[in-house]
PDB file of N, CA and C in Angstrom:
ATOM      1  N   UNK A   1     -15.270   6.124  14.388  1.00  0.00           N
ATOM      2  CA  UNK A   1     -16.354   6.826  15.225  1.00  0.00           C
ATOM      3  C   UNK A   1     -17.413   5.860  15.308  1.00  0.00           C
ATOM      4  N   UNK A   2     -17.335   4.988  16.350  1.00  0.00           N
ATOM      5  CA  UNK A   2     -18.246   3.980  16.673  1.00  0.00           C
ATOM      6  C   UNK A   2     -19.468   4.693  17.480  1.00  0.00           C
ATOM      7  N   UNK A   3     -20.696   4.006  17.065  1.00  0.00           N
ATOM      8  CA  UNK A   3     -21.866   4.466  17.811  1.00  0.00           C
ATOM      9  C   UNK A   3     -21.996   3.668  19.088  1.00  0.00           C
ATOM     10  N   UNK A   4     -22.931   4.103  19.817  1.00  0.00           N
ATOM     11  CA  UNK A   4     -23.294   3.412  21.084  1.00  0.00           C
ATOM     12  C   UNK A   4     -23.837   2.099  20.799  1.00  0.00           C
ATOM     13  N   UNK A   5     -24.588   1.880  19.771  1.00  0.00           N
ATOM     14  CA  UNK A   5     -25.183   0.495  19.463  1.00  0.00           C
ATOM     15  C   UNK A   5     -24.315  -0.470  18.697  1.00  0.00           C
ATOM     16  N   UNK A   6     -23.049   0.141  18.310  1.00  0.00           N
ATOM     17  CA  UNK A   6     -22.280  -0.653  17.537  1.00  0.00           C
ATOM     18  C   UNK A   6     -21.796  -2.070  18.242  1.00  0.00           C
ATOM     19  N   UNK A   7     -22.030  -3.077  17.738  1.00  0.00           N
ATOM     20  CA  UNK A   7     -21.524  -4.384  18.355  1.00  0.00           C
ATOM     21  C   UNK A   7     -20.200  -4.899  17.895  1.00  0.00           C
ATOM     22  N   UNK A   8     -19.702  -5.571  18.660  1.00  0.00           N
ATOM     23  CA  UNK A   8     -18.181  -6.047  18.517  1.00  0.00           C
ATOM     24  C   UNK A   8     -18.338  -7.078  17.443  1.00  0.00           C
ATOM     25  N   UNK A   9     -17.337  -7.269  16.571  1.00  0.00           N
ATOM     26  CA  UNK A   9     -17.210  -8.295  15.645  1.00  0.00           C
ATOM     27  C   UNK A   9     -17.411  -9.688  16.232  1.00  0.00           C
ATOM     28  N   UNK A  10     -17.955 -10.622  15.537  1.00  0.00           N
ATOM     29  CA  UNK A  10     -18.368 -12.031  16.126  1.00  0.00           C
ATOM     30  C   UNK A  10     -17.596 -12.862  15.063  1.00  0.00           C
ATOM     31  N   UNK A  11     -16.622 -13.672  15.659  1.00  0.00           N
ATOM     32  CA  UNK A  11     -15.804 -14.525  14.822  1.00  0.00           C
ATOM     33  C   UNK A  11     -16.403 -15.995  14.803  1.00  0.00           C
ATOM     34  N   UNK A  12     -16.610 -16.718  13.703  1.00  0.00           N
ATOM     35  CA  UNK A  12     -16.979 -17.997  13.690  1.00  0.00           C
ATOM     36  C   UNK A  12     -15.826 -18.893  13.175  1.00  0.00           C
ATOM     37  N   UNK A  13     -14.985 -19.519  14.131  1.00  0.00           N
ATOM     38  CA  UNK A  13     -13.869 -20.256  13.618  1.00  0.00           C
ATOM     39  C   UNK A  13     -14.210 -21.435  12.907  1.00  0.00           C
ATOM     40  N   UNK A  14     -15.280 -22.068  12.961  1.00  0.00           N
ATOM     41  CA  UNK A  14     -15.721 -23.283  12.228  1.00  0.00           C
ATOM     42  C   UNK A  14     -15.808 -22.985  10.641  1.00  0.00           C
ATOM     43  N   UNK A  15     -16.431 -21.837  10.182  1.00  0.00           N
ATOM     44  CA  UNK A  15     -16.459 -21.477   8.741  1.00  0.00           C
ATOM     45  C   UNK A  15     -15.510 -20.490   8.331  1.00  0.00           C
ATOM     46  N   UNK A  16     -14.604 -19.794   9.288  1.00  0.00           N
ATOM     47  CA  UNK A  16     -13.869 -18.695   8.929  1.00  0.00           C
ATOM     48  C   UNK A  16     -14.675 -17.385   8.546  1.00  0.00           C
ATOM     49  N   UNK A  17     -15.694 -17.206   9.125  1.00  0.00           N
ATOM     50  CA  UNK A  17     -16.464 -16.036   8.859  1.00  0.00           C
ATOM     51  C   UNK A  17     -16.465 -15.135  10.071  1.00  0.00           C
ATOM     52  N   UNK A  18     -16.723 -13.858   9.744  1.00  0.00           N
ATOM     53  CA  UNK A  18     -16.824 -12.873  10.886  1.00  0.00           C
ATOM     54  C   UNK A  18     -17.862 -11.790  10.639  1.00  0.00           C
ATOM     55  N   UNK A  19     -18.619 -11.674  11.756  1.00  0.00           N
ATOM     56  CA  UNK A  19     -19.772 -10.623  11.592  1.00  0.00           C
ATOM     57  C   UNK A  19     -19.208  -9.325  11.913  1.00  0.00           C
ATOM     58  N   UNK A  20     -19.397  -8.343  11.079  1.00  0.00           N
ATOM     59  CA  UNK A  20     -18.870  -7.038  11.091  1.00  0.00           C
ATOM     60  C   UNK A  20     -20.097  -6.109  10.958  1.00  0.00           C
ATOM     61  N   UNK A  21     -19.790  -4.816  11.450  1.00  0.00           N
ATOM     62  CA  UNK A  21     -20.880  -3.742  11.186  1.00  0.00           C
ATOM     63  C   UNK A  21     -20.143  -2.593  10.535  1.00  0.00           C
ATOM     64  N   UNK A  22     -20.817  -2.196   9.466  1.00  0.00           N
ATOM     65  CA  UNK A  22     -20.344  -0.941   8.490  1.00  0.00           C
ATOM     66  C   UNK A  22     -21.476  -0.129   8.393  1.00  0.00           C
ATOM     67  N   UNK A  23     -21.297   1.086   8.940  1.00  0.00           N
ATOM     68  CA  UNK A  23     -22.380   2.117   8.898  1.00  0.00           C
ATOM     69  C   UNK A  23     -23.729   1.580   9.391  1.00  0.00           C
ATOM     70  N   UNK A  24     -23.623   1.069  10.632  1.00  0.00           N
ATOM     71  CA  UNK A  24     -24.740   0.337  11.224  1.00  0.00           C
ATOM     72  C   UNK A  24     -25.506  -0.692  10.465  1.00  0.00           C
ATOM     73  N   UNK A  25     -24.805  -1.366   9.548  1.00  0.00           N
ATOM     74  CA  UNK A  25     -25.486  -2.523   8.767  1.00  0.00           C
ATOM     75  C   UNK A  25     -24.477  -3.786   9.121  1.00  0.00           C
ATOM     76  N   UNK A  26     -25.092  -4.792   9.489  1.00  0.00           N
ATOM     77  CA  UNK A  26     -24.212  -6.085   9.824  1.00  0.00           C
ATOM     78  C   UNK A  26     -24.058  -6.764   8.481  1.00  0.00           C
ATOM     79  N   UNK A  27     -22.716  -7.416   8.468  1.00  0.00           N
ATOM     80  CA  UNK A  27     -22.418  -8.174   7.302  1.00  0.00           C
ATOM     81  C   UNK A  27     -21.533  -9.231   7.927  1.00  0.00           C
ATOM     82  N   UNK A  28     -21.955 -10.497   7.193  1.00  0.00           N
ATOM     83  CA  UNK A  28     -21.071 -11.796   7.538  1.00  0.00           C
ATOM     84  C   UNK A  28     -20.310 -12.009   6.369  1.00  0.00           C
ATOM     85  N   UNK A  29     -18.918 -11.739   6.816  1.00  0.00           N
ATOM     86  CA  UNK A  29     -17.768 -11.926   5.732  1.00  0.00           C
ATOM     87  C   UNK A  29     -16.766 -13.005   6.076  1.00  0.00           C
ATOM     88  N   UNK A  30     -16.379 -13.612   5.034  1.00  0.00           N
ATOM     89  CA  UNK A  30     -15.643 -14.877   5.145  1.00  0.00           C
ATOM     90  C   UNK A  30     -14.164 -14.533   4.479  1.00  0.00           C
ATOM     91  N   UNK A  31     -13.072 -15.059   5.218  1.00  0.00           N
ATOM     92  CA  UNK A  31     -11.737 -14.954   4.618  1.00  0.00           C
ATOM     93  C   UNK A  31     -10.808 -15.716   5.466  1.00  0.00           C
ATOM     94  N   UNK A  32      -9.590 -15.590   5.014  1.00  0.00           N
ATOM     95  CA  UNK A  32      -8.484 -16.399   5.782  1.00  0.00           C
ATOM     96  C   UNK A  32      -8.157 -15.737   7.073  1.00  0.00           C
ATOM     97  N   UNK A  33      -8.164 -14.510   7.109  1.00  0.00           N
ATOM     98  CA  UNK A  33      -7.673 -13.731   8.335  1.00  0.00           C
ATOM     99  C   UNK A  33      -8.913 -12.790   8.939  1.00  0.00           C
ATOM    100  N   UNK A  34      -9.563 -13.192   9.816  1.00  0.00           N
ATOM    101  CA  UNK A  34     -10.810 -12.509  10.336  1.00  0.00           C
ATOM    102  C   UNK A  34     -10.302 -11.158  10.940  1.00  0.00           C
ATOM    103  N   UNK A  35      -9.189 -11.150  11.502  1.00  0.00           N
ATOM    104  CA  UNK A  35      -8.678  -9.756  12.193  1.00  0.00           C
ATOM    105  C   UNK A  35      -8.519  -8.791  11.158  1.00  0.00           C
ATOM    106  N   UNK A  36      -8.016  -9.176   9.993  1.00  0.00           N
ATOM    107  CA  UNK A  36      -7.839  -8.245   8.840  1.00  0.00           C
ATOM    108  C   UNK A  36      -8.923  -7.734   8.267  1.00  0.00           C
ATOM    109  N   UNK A  37     -10.066  -8.772   8.296  1.00  0.00           N
ATOM    110  CA  UNK A  37     -11.324  -8.384   7.654  1.00  0.00           C
ATOM    111  C   UNK A  37     -12.078  -7.303   8.666  1.00  0.00           C
ATOM    112  N   UNK A  38     -11.890  -7.438   9.871  1.00  0.00           N
ATOM    113  CA  UNK A  38     -12.355  -6.521  10.943  1.00  0.00           C
ATOM    114  C   UNK A  38     -11.671  -5.230  10.565  1.00  0.00           C
ATOM    115  N   UNK A  39     -10.473  -5.282  10.548  1.00  0.00           N
ATOM    116  CA  UNK A  39      -9.642  -4.009  10.212  1.00  0.00           C
ATOM    117  C   UNK A  39     -10.244  -3.277   9.113  1.00  0.00           C
ATOM    118  N   UNK A  40     -10.410  -3.987   8.025  1.00  0.00           N
ATOM    119  CA  UNK A  40     -10.967  -3.357   6.777  1.00  0.00           C
ATOM    120  C   UNK A  40     -12.292  -2.818   6.995  1.00  0.00           C
ATOM    121  N   UNK A  41     -13.178  -3.601   7.581  1.00  0.00           N
ATOM    122  CA  UNK A  41     -14.575  -3.242   7.772  1.00  0.00           C
ATOM    123  C   UNK A  41     -14.418  -1.876   8.731  1.00  0.00           C
ATOM    124  N   UNK A  42     -13.697  -1.816   9.787  1.00  0.00           N
ATOM    125  CA  UNK A  42     -13.518  -0.544  10.480  1.00  0.00           C
ATOM    126  C   UNK A  42     -13.103   0.581   9.785  1.00  0.00           C
ATOM    127  N   UNK A  43     -12.242   0.292   8.845  1.00  0.00           N
ATOM    128  CA  UNK A  43     -11.690   1.448   7.881  1.00  0.00           C
ATOM    129  C   UNK A  43     -12.840   1.987   7.019  1.00  0.00           C
ATOM    130  N   UNK A  44     -13.509   1.064   6.414  1.00  0.00           N
ATOM    131  CA  UNK A  44     -14.546   1.379   5.511  1.00  0.00           C
ATOM    132  C   UNK A  44     -15.713   2.119   6.285  1.00  0.00           C
ATOM    133  N   UNK A  45     -15.974   1.621   7.542  1.00  0.00           N
ATOM    134  CA  UNK A  45     -16.963   2.312   8.324  1.00  0.00           C
ATOM    135  C   UNK A  45     -16.601   3.690   8.631  1.00  0.00           C
ATOM    136  N   UNK A  46     -15.261   3.846   9.049  1.00  0.00           N
ATOM    137  CA  UNK A  46     -14.806   5.115   9.368  1.00  0.00           C
ATOM    138  C   UNK A  46     -14.788   6.094   8.188  1.00  0.00           C
ATOM    139  N   UNK A  47     -14.628   5.764   6.885  1.00  0.00           N
ATOM    140  CA  UNK A  47     -14.688   6.394   5.715  1.00  0.00           C
ATOM    141  C   UNK A  47     -16.164   6.897   5.439  1.00  0.00           C
ATOM    142  N   UNK A  48     -16.994   6.026   5.694  1.00  0.00           N
ATOM    143  CA  UNK A  48     -18.426   6.225   5.362  1.00  0.00           C
ATOM    144  C   UNK A  48     -18.958   7.309   6.394  1.00  0.00           C
ATOM    145  N   UNK A  49     -18.559   7.129   7.737  1.00  0.00           N
ATOM    146  CA  UNK A  49     -19.004   8.080   8.712  1.00  0.00           C
ATOM    147  C   UNK A  49     -18.341   9.736   8.426  1.00  0.00           C
ATOM    148  N   UNK A  50     -17.138   9.690   7.950  1.00  0.00           N
ATOM    149  CA  UNK A  50     -16.468  10.928   7.617  1.00  0.00           C
ATOM    150  C   UNK A  50     -17.213  11.458   6.489  1.00  0.00           C
ATOM    151  N   UNK A  51     -17.533  10.637   5.527  1.00  0.00           N
ATOM    152  CA  UNK A  51     -18.318  11.269   4.325  1.00  0.00           C
ATOM    153  C   UNK A  51     -19.751  11.808   4.786  1.00  0.00           C
ATOM    154  N   UNK A  52     -20.287  11.089   5.737  1.00  0.00           N
ATOM    155  CA  UNK A  52     -21.530  11.426   5.987  1.00  0.00           C
ATOM    156  C   UNK A  52     -21.553  12.679   6.926  1.00  0.00           C
ATOM    157  N   UNK A  53     -20.493  13.040   7.670  1.00  0.00           N
ATOM    158  CA  UNK A  53     -20.356  14.270   8.383  1.00  0.00           C
ATOM    159  C   UNK A  53     -20.075  15.450   7.598  1.00  0.00           C
ATOM    160  N   UNK A  54     -19.518  15.189   6.255  1.00  0.00           N
ATOM    161  CA  UNK A  54     -19.247  16.213   5.283  1.00  0.00           C
ATOM    162  C   UNK A  54     -20.457  16.526   4.465  1.00  0.00           C
ATOM    163  N   UNK A  55     -21.371  15.600   4.229  1.00  0.00           N
ATOM    164  CA  UNK A  55     -22.248  15.862   3.205  1.00  0.00           C
ATOM    165  C   UNK A  55     -23.721  15.786   3.948  1.00  0.00           C
ATOM    166  N   UNK A  56     -24.633  16.233   3.051  1.00  0.00           N
ATOM    167  CA  UNK A  56     -26.008  16.359   3.844  1.00  0.00           C
ATOM    168  C   UNK A  56     -27.038  15.068   3.393  1.00  0.00           C
ATOM    169  N   UNK A  57     -26.345  14.107   2.597  1.00  0.00           N
ATOM    170  CA  UNK A  57     -27.074  13.015   2.174  1.00  0.00           C
ATOM    171  C   UNK A  57     -27.346  11.911   3.330  1.00  0.00           C
ATOM    172  N   UNK A  58     -28.499  11.309   3.130  1.00  0.00           N
ATOM    173  CA  UNK A  58     -28.766  10.068   4.040  1.00  0.00           C
ATOM    174  C   UNK A  58     -28.732   8.999   3.528  1.00  0.00           C
ATOM    175  N   UNK A  59     -28.607   9.110   2.124  1.00  0.00           N
ATOM    176  CA  UNK A  59     -28.715   7.795   1.174  1.00  0.00           C
ATOM    177  C   UNK A  59     -27.349   6.880   1.299  1.00  0.00           C
ATOM    178  N   UNK A  60     -27.518   5.891   2.048  1.00  0.00           N
ATOM    179  CA  UNK A  60     -26.431   5.020   2.434  1.00  0.00           C
ATOM    180  C   UNK A  60     -25.486   4.597   1.030  1.00  0.00           C
ATOM    181  N   UNK A  61     -26.264   4.233  -0.135  1.00  0.00           N
ATOM    182  CA  UNK A  61     -25.460   3.866  -1.169  1.00  0.00           C
ATOM    183  C   UNK A  61     -24.831   5.065  -1.873  1.00  0.00           C
ATOM    184  N   UNK A  62     -25.246   6.162  -1.579  1.00  0.00           N
ATOM    185  CA  UNK A  62     -24.320   7.201  -2.076  1.00  0.00           C
ATOM    186  C   UNK A  62     -23.271   7.578  -1.221  1.00  0.00           C
ATOM    187  N   UNK A  63     -23.426   7.473   0.107  1.00  0.00           N
ATOM    188  CA  UNK A  63     -22.445   7.549   0.994  1.00  0.00           C
ATOM    189  C   UNK A  63     -21.216   6.464   0.881  1.00  0.00           C
ATOM    190  N   UNK A  64     -21.767   5.300   0.538  1.00  0.00           N
ATOM    191  CA  UNK A  64     -20.770   4.043   0.207  1.00  0.00           C
ATOM    192  C   UNK A  64     -20.058   4.406  -1.063  1.00  0.00           C
ATOM    193  N   UNK A  65     -20.639   4.944  -2.104  1.00  0.00           N
ATOM    194  CA  UNK A  65     -19.866   5.075  -3.336  1.00  0.00           C
ATOM    195  C   UNK A  65     -18.948   6.225  -3.094  1.00  0.00           C
ATOM    196  N   UNK A  66     -19.312   7.514  -2.307  1.00  0.00           N
ATOM    197  CA  UNK A  66     -18.535   8.540  -2.020  1.00  0.00           C
ATOM    198  C   UNK A  66     -17.167   7.980  -1.137  1.00  0.00           C
ATOM    199  N   UNK A  67     -17.442   7.057  -0.220  1.00  0.00           N
ATOM    200  CA  UNK A  67     -16.352   6.621   0.456  1.00  0.00           C
ATOM    201  C   UNK A  67     -15.418   5.675  -0.262  1.00  0.00           C
ATOM    202  N   UNK A  68     -16.147   4.858  -1.270  1.00  0.00           N
ATOM    203  CA  UNK A  68     -15.223   4.142  -2.106  1.00  0.00           C
ATOM    204  C   UNK A  68     -14.498   5.062  -2.976  1.00  0.00           C
ATOM    205  N   UNK A  69     -14.879   6.084  -3.548  1.00  0.00           N
ATOM    206  CA  UNK A  69     -14.059   7.001  -4.200  1.00  0.00           C
ATOM    207  C   UNK A  69     -12.980   7.513  -3.536  1.00  0.00           C
ATOM    208  N   UNK A  70     -13.334   7.791  -2.241  1.00  0.00           N
ATOM    209  CA  UNK A  70     -12.156   8.404  -1.321  1.00  0.00           C
ATOM    210  C   UNK A  70     -11.011   7.287  -1.239  1.00  0.00           C
ATOM    211  N   UNK A  71     -11.584   6.115  -0.862  1.00  0.00           N
ATOM    212  CA  UNK A  71     -10.641   5.056  -0.731  1.00  0.00           C
ATOM    213  C   UNK A  71      -9.815   4.837  -1.838  1.00  0.00           C
ATOM    214  N   UNK A  72     -10.450   4.790  -3.208  1.00  0.00           N
ATOM    215  CA  UNK A  72      -9.630   4.664  -4.272  1.00  0.00           C
ATOM    216  C   UNK A  72      -8.713   5.787  -4.670  1.00  0.00           C
ATOM    217  N   UNK A  73      -9.077   6.922  -4.266  1.00  0.00           N
ATOM    218  CA  UNK A  73      -8.298   8.206  -4.422  1.00  0.00           C
ATOM    219  C   UNK A  73      -6.991   7.915  -3.479  1.00  0.00           C
ATOM    220  N   UNK A  74      -7.099   7.532  -2.386  1.00  0.00           N
ATOM    221  CA  UNK A  74      -6.020   7.210  -1.379  1.00  0.00           C
ATOM    222  C   UNK A  74      -4.988   6.205  -2.078  1.00  0.00           C
ATOM    223  N   UNK A  75      -5.641   5.112  -2.478  1.00  0.00           N
ATOM    224  CA  UNK A  75      -5.006   3.963  -3.047  1.00  0.00           C
ATOM    225  C   UNK A  75      -4.322   4.364  -4.319  1.00  0.00           C
ATOM    226  N   UNK A  76      -4.590   5.157  -5.176  1.00  0.00           N
ATOM    227  CA  UNK A  76      -4.100   5.601  -6.451  1.00  0.00           C
ATOM    228  C   UNK A  76      -2.968   6.620  -6.094  1.00  0.00           C
ATOM    229  N   UNK A  77      -3.252   7.600  -5.089  1.00  0.00           N
ATOM    230  CA  UNK A  77      -2.188   8.485  -4.783  1.00  0.00           C
ATOM    231  C   UNK A  77      -1.054   7.783  -4.070  1.00  0.00           C
ATOM    232  N   UNK A  78      -1.033   6.767  -3.235  1.00  0.00           N
ATOM    233  CA  UNK A  78      -0.163   5.851  -2.764  1.00  0.00           C
ATOM    234  C   UNK A  78       0.634   5.143  -3.741  1.00  0.00           C
ATOM    235  N   UNK A  79      -0.128   4.534  -4.770  1.00  0.00           N
ATOM    236  CA  UNK A  79       0.411   3.712  -5.866  1.00  0.00           C
ATOM    237  C   UNK A  79       1.381   4.690  -6.731  1.00  0.00           C
ATOM    238  N   UNK A  80       0.695   5.790  -7.096  1.00  0.00           N
ATOM    239  CA  UNK A  80       1.455   6.786  -7.937  1.00  0.00           C
ATOM    240  C   UNK A  80       2.785   7.073  -7.102  1.00  0.00           C
ATOM    241  N   UNK A  81       2.602   7.358  -5.635  1.00  0.00           N
ATOM    242  CA  UNK A  81       4.046   7.872  -4.920  1.00  0.00           C
ATOM    243  C   UNK A  81       4.993   6.658  -4.962  1.00  0.00           C
ATOM    244  N   UNK A  82       4.525   5.540  -4.634  1.00  0.00           N
ATOM    245  CA  UNK A  82       5.276   4.329  -4.766  1.00  0.00           C
ATOM    246  C   UNK A  82       5.979   3.941  -5.893  1.00  0.00           C
ATOM    247  N   UNK A  83       5.246   4.172  -7.061  1.00  0.00           N
ATOM    248  CA  UNK A  83       5.735   3.910  -8.356  1.00  0.00           C
ATOM    249  C   UNK A  83       6.858   4.967  -8.692  1.00  0.00           C
ATOM    250  N   UNK A  84       6.655   6.281  -8.256  1.00  0.00           N
ATOM    251  CA  UNK A  84       7.610   7.297  -8.520  1.00  0.00           C
ATOM    252  C   UNK A  84       8.773   6.925  -7.773  1.00  0.00           C
ATOM    253  N   UNK A  85       8.807   6.562  -6.484  1.00  0.00           N
ATOM    254  CA  UNK A  85       9.882   6.141  -5.854  1.00  0.00           C
ATOM    255  C   UNK A  85      10.746   4.977  -6.393  1.00  0.00           C
ATOM    256  N   UNK A  86      10.041   4.040  -6.994  1.00  0.00           N
ATOM    257  CA  UNK A  86      10.488   2.872  -7.395  1.00  0.00           C
ATOM    258  C   UNK A  86      11.446   3.283  -8.651  1.00  0.00           C
ATOM    259  N   UNK A  87      10.924   4.294  -9.457  1.00  0.00           N
ATOM    260  CA  UNK A  87      11.527   4.633 -10.723  1.00  0.00           C
ATOM    261  C   UNK A  87      12.625   5.388 -10.314  1.00  0.00           C
ATOM    262  N   UNK A  88      12.614   6.319  -9.289  1.00  0.00           N
ATOM    263  CA  UNK A  88      13.745   7.066  -8.843  1.00  0.00           C
ATOM    264  C   UNK A  88      14.904   6.176  -8.372  1.00  0.00           C
ATOM    265  N   UNK A  89      14.510   5.031  -7.710  1.00  0.00           N
ATOM    266  CA  UNK A  89      15.420   4.178  -7.098  1.00  0.00           C
ATOM    267  C   UNK A  89      16.136   3.426  -8.162  1.00  0.00           C
ATOM    268  N   UNK A  90      15.281   3.026  -9.145  1.00  0.00           N
ATOM    269  CA  UNK A  90      15.837   2.150 -10.277  1.00  0.00           C
ATOM    270  C   UNK A  90      16.960   3.138 -10.968  1.00  0.00           C
ATOM    271  N   UNK A  91      16.449   4.314 -11.310  1.00  0.00           N
ATOM    272  CA  UNK A  91      17.456   5.291 -11.895  1.00  0.00           C
ATOM    273  C   UNK A  91      18.549   5.527 -11.176  1.00  0.00           C
ATOM    274  N   UNK A  92      18.548   5.691  -9.807  1.00  0.00           N
ATOM    275  CA  UNK A  92      19.657   5.972  -8.966  1.00  0.00           C
ATOM    276  C   UNK A  92      20.576   4.578  -8.951  1.00  0.00           C
ATOM    277  N   UNK A  93      19.982   3.470  -8.700  1.00  0.00           N
ATOM    278  CA  UNK A  93      20.680   2.175  -8.797  1.00  0.00           C
ATOM    279  C   UNK A  93      21.504   2.063 -10.212  1.00  0.00           C
ATOM    280  N   UNK A  94      20.825   2.332 -11.428  1.00  0.00           N
ATOM    281  CA  UNK A  94      21.246   2.366 -12.436  1.00  0.00           C
ATOM    282  C   UNK A  94      22.502   3.188 -12.677  1.00  0.00           C
ATOM    283  N   UNK A  95      22.309   4.417 -12.205  1.00  0.00           N
ATOM    284  CA  UNK A  95      23.667   5.404 -12.157  1.00  0.00           C
ATOM    285  C   UNK A  95      24.595   4.918 -11.341  1.00  0.00           C
ATOM    286  N   UNK A  96      24.413   4.395 -10.227  1.00  0.00           N
ATOM    287  CA  UNK A  96      25.334   3.926  -9.323  1.00  0.00           C
ATOM    288  C   UNK A  96      26.181   2.791  -9.795  1.00  0.00           C
ATOM    289  N   UNK A  97      25.282   1.710 -10.472  1.00  0.00           N
ATOM    290  CA  UNK A  97      25.988   0.588 -11.141  1.00  0.00           C
ATOM    291  C   UNK A  97      26.901   1.025 -12.301  1.00  0.00           C
ATOM    292  N   UNK A  98      26.453   2.038 -13.176  1.00  0.00           N
ATOM    293  CA  UNK A  98      27.280   2.531 -14.098  1.00  0.00           C
ATOM    294  C   UNK A  98      28.614   3.267 -13.629  1.00  0.00           C
ATOM    295  N   UNK A  99      28.463   3.826 -12.508  1.00  0.00           N
ATOM    296  CA  UNK A  99      29.623   4.657 -11.830  1.00  0.00           C
ATOM    297  C   UNK A  99      30.532   3.432 -11.289  1.00  0.00           C
ATOM    298  N   UNK A 100      29.979   2.532 -10.709  1.00  0.00           N
ATOM    299  CA  UNK A 100      30.985   1.558 -10.217  1.00  0.00           C
ATOM    300  C   UNK A 100      31.607   0.640 -11.262  1.00  0.00           C
ATOM    301  N   UNK A 101      30.858   0.579 -12.259  1.00  0.00           N
ATOM    302  CA  UNK A 101      31.331  -0.266 -13.474  1.00  0.00           C
ATOM    303  C   UNK A 101      32.465   0.625 -14.176  1.00  0.00           C
ATOM    304  N   UNK A 102      32.201   1.896 -14.219  1.00  0.00           N
ATOM    305  CA  UNK A 102      33.329   2.776 -14.991  1.00  0.00           C
ATOM    306  C   UNK A 102      34.532   2.778 -14.052  1.00  0.00           C
ATOM    307  N   UNK A 103      34.376   2.892 -12.597  1.00  0.00           N
ATOM    308  CA  UNK A 103      35.535   2.849 -11.792  1.00  0.00           C
ATOM    309  C   UNK A 103      36.311   1.459 -11.829  1.00  0.00           C
ATOM    310  N   UNK A 104      35.514   0.443 -11.729  1.00  0.00           N
ATOM    311  CA  UNK A 104      36.316  -0.731 -11.845  1.00  0.00           C
ATOM    312  C   UNK A 104      37.055  -0.918 -13.235  1.00  0.00           C
ATOM    313  N   UNK A 105      36.298  -0.621 -14.200  1.00  0.00           N
ATOM    314  CA  UNK A 105      36.886  -0.676 -15.548  1.00  0.00           C
ATOM    315  C   UNK A 105      38.360   0.239 -15.610  1.00  0.00           C
ATOM    316  N   UNK A 106      38.206   1.250 -15.039  1.00  0.00           N
ATOM    317  CA  UNK A 106      39.460   2.148 -15.083  1.00  0.00           C
ATOM    318  C   UNK A 106      40.541   1.510 -14.264  1.00  0.00           C
ATOM    319  N   UNK A 107      40.176   0.988 -13.088  1.00  0.00           N
ATOM    320  CA  UNK A 107      41.027   0.264 -12.069  1.00  0.00           C
ATOM    321  C   UNK A 107      41.675  -0.869 -12.881  1.00  0.00           C
ATOM    322  N   UNK A 108      40.865  -1.524 -13.511  1.00  0.00           N
ATOM    323  CA  UNK A 108      41.378  -2.685 -14.346  1.00  0.00           C
ATOM    324  C   UNK A 108      42.417  -2.281 -15.233  1.00  0.00           C
ATOM    325  N   UNK A 109      41.920  -1.254 -16.150  1.00  0.00           N
ATOM    326  CA  UNK A 109      42.983  -0.602 -17.240  1.00  0.00           C
ATOM    327  C   UNK A 109      44.264  -0.335 -16.432  1.00  0.00           C
ATOM    328  N   UNK A 110      44.238   0.583 -15.405  1.00  0.00           N
ATOM    329  CA  UNK A 110      45.434   0.818 -14.770  1.00  0.00           C
ATOM    330  C   UNK A 110      46.144  -0.471 -14.293  1.00  0.00           C
ATOM    331  N   UNK A 111      45.582  -1.522 -13.823  1.00  0.00           N
ATOM    332  CA  UNK A 111      46.421  -2.653 -13.410  1.00  0.00           C
ATOM    333  C   UNK A 111      46.947  -3.189 -14.702  1.00  0.00           C
ATOM    334  N   UNK A 112      46.174  -3.292 -15.728  1.00  0.00           N
ATOM    335  CA  UNK A 112      46.690  -3.926 -16.956  1.00  0.00           C
ATOM    336  C   UNK A 112      47.728  -3.224 -17.481  1.00  0.00           C
ATOM    337  N   UNK A 113      47.723  -1.734 -17.592  1.00  0.00           N
ATOM    338  CA  UNK A 113      48.600  -1.067 -18.150  1.00  0.00           C
ATOM    339  C   UNK A 113      49.997  -1.178 -17.117  1.00  0.00           C
ATOM    340  N   UNK A 114      50.016  -1.200 -15.980  1.00  0.00           N
ATOM    341  CA  UNK A 114      50.921  -1.319 -15.183  1.00  0.00           C
ATOM    342  C   UNK A 114      51.717  -2.905 -15.374  1.00  0.00           C
ATOM    343  N   UNK A 115      50.871  -3.858 -15.653  1.00  0.00           N
ATOM    344  CA  UNK A 115      51.350  -5.167 -15.991  1.00  0.00           C
ATOM    345  C   UNK A 115      52.008  -5.132 -17.204  1.00  0.00           C
ATOM    346  N   UNK A 116      51.562  -4.497 -18.238  1.00  0.00           N
ATOM    347  CA  UNK A 116      52.250  -4.371 -19.539  1.00  0.00           C
ATOM    348  C   UNK A 116      53.482  -3.663 -19.478  1.00  0.00           C
ATOM    349  N   UNK A 117      53.654  -2.476 -18.693  1.00  0.00           N
ATOM    350  CA  UNK A 117      54.896  -1.909 -18.516  1.00  0.00           C
ATOM    351  C   UNK A 117      55.859  -2.738 -17.957  1.00  0.00           C
ATOM    352  N   UNK A 118      55.538  -3.569 -16.902  1.00  0.00           N
ATOM    353  CA  UNK A 118      56.518  -4.322 -16.183  1.00  0.00           C
ATOM    354  C   UNK A 118      57.005  -5.405 -17.026  1.00  0.00           C
ATOM    355  N   UNK A 119      56.193  -6.113 -17.896  1.00  0.00           N
ATOM    356  CA  UNK A 119      56.663  -7.032 -18.765  1.00  0.00           C
ATOM    357  C   UNK A 119      57.462  -6.484 -19.954  1.00  0.00           C
ATOM    358  N   UNK A 120      57.269  -5.415 -20.447  1.00  0.00           N
ATOM    359  CA  UNK A 120      58.134  -4.592 -21.440  1.00  0.00           C
ATOM    360  C   UNK A 120      59.412  -4.362 -20.998  1.00  0.00           C
ATOM    361  N   UNK A 121      59.443  -3.884 -19.648  1.00  0.00           N
ATOM    362  CA  UNK A 121      60.721  -3.315 -19.155  1.00  0.00           C
ATOM    363  C   UNK A 121      61.577  -4.235 -18.747  1.00  0.00           C
TER     364      UNK A 121
END
């Protein structure tokens, strides 16, 4: 939700910094990937604006904290979801490995039994 006064990010290739605007405040940030920093700044800006629309507060610090809590909530929900999927996947793989191991063991037993019968006969 960009405002009419919002300025485009300014990248300084000499020192790796980028000037971004978050909730109408300019910040000079430095990092290895300026495009990624711009993307993050846009995301934080959109979260702050969404919180501002839903609350009656004009205190930017309060808005920033509420936006940070929303972002942290998203992060933890996604992490919990990912951890759950990984656990299910590990459980599934473990079951598959056990099943395969049992099948291979049974097949080997059959071959060895047939081999024993041939030698005895």
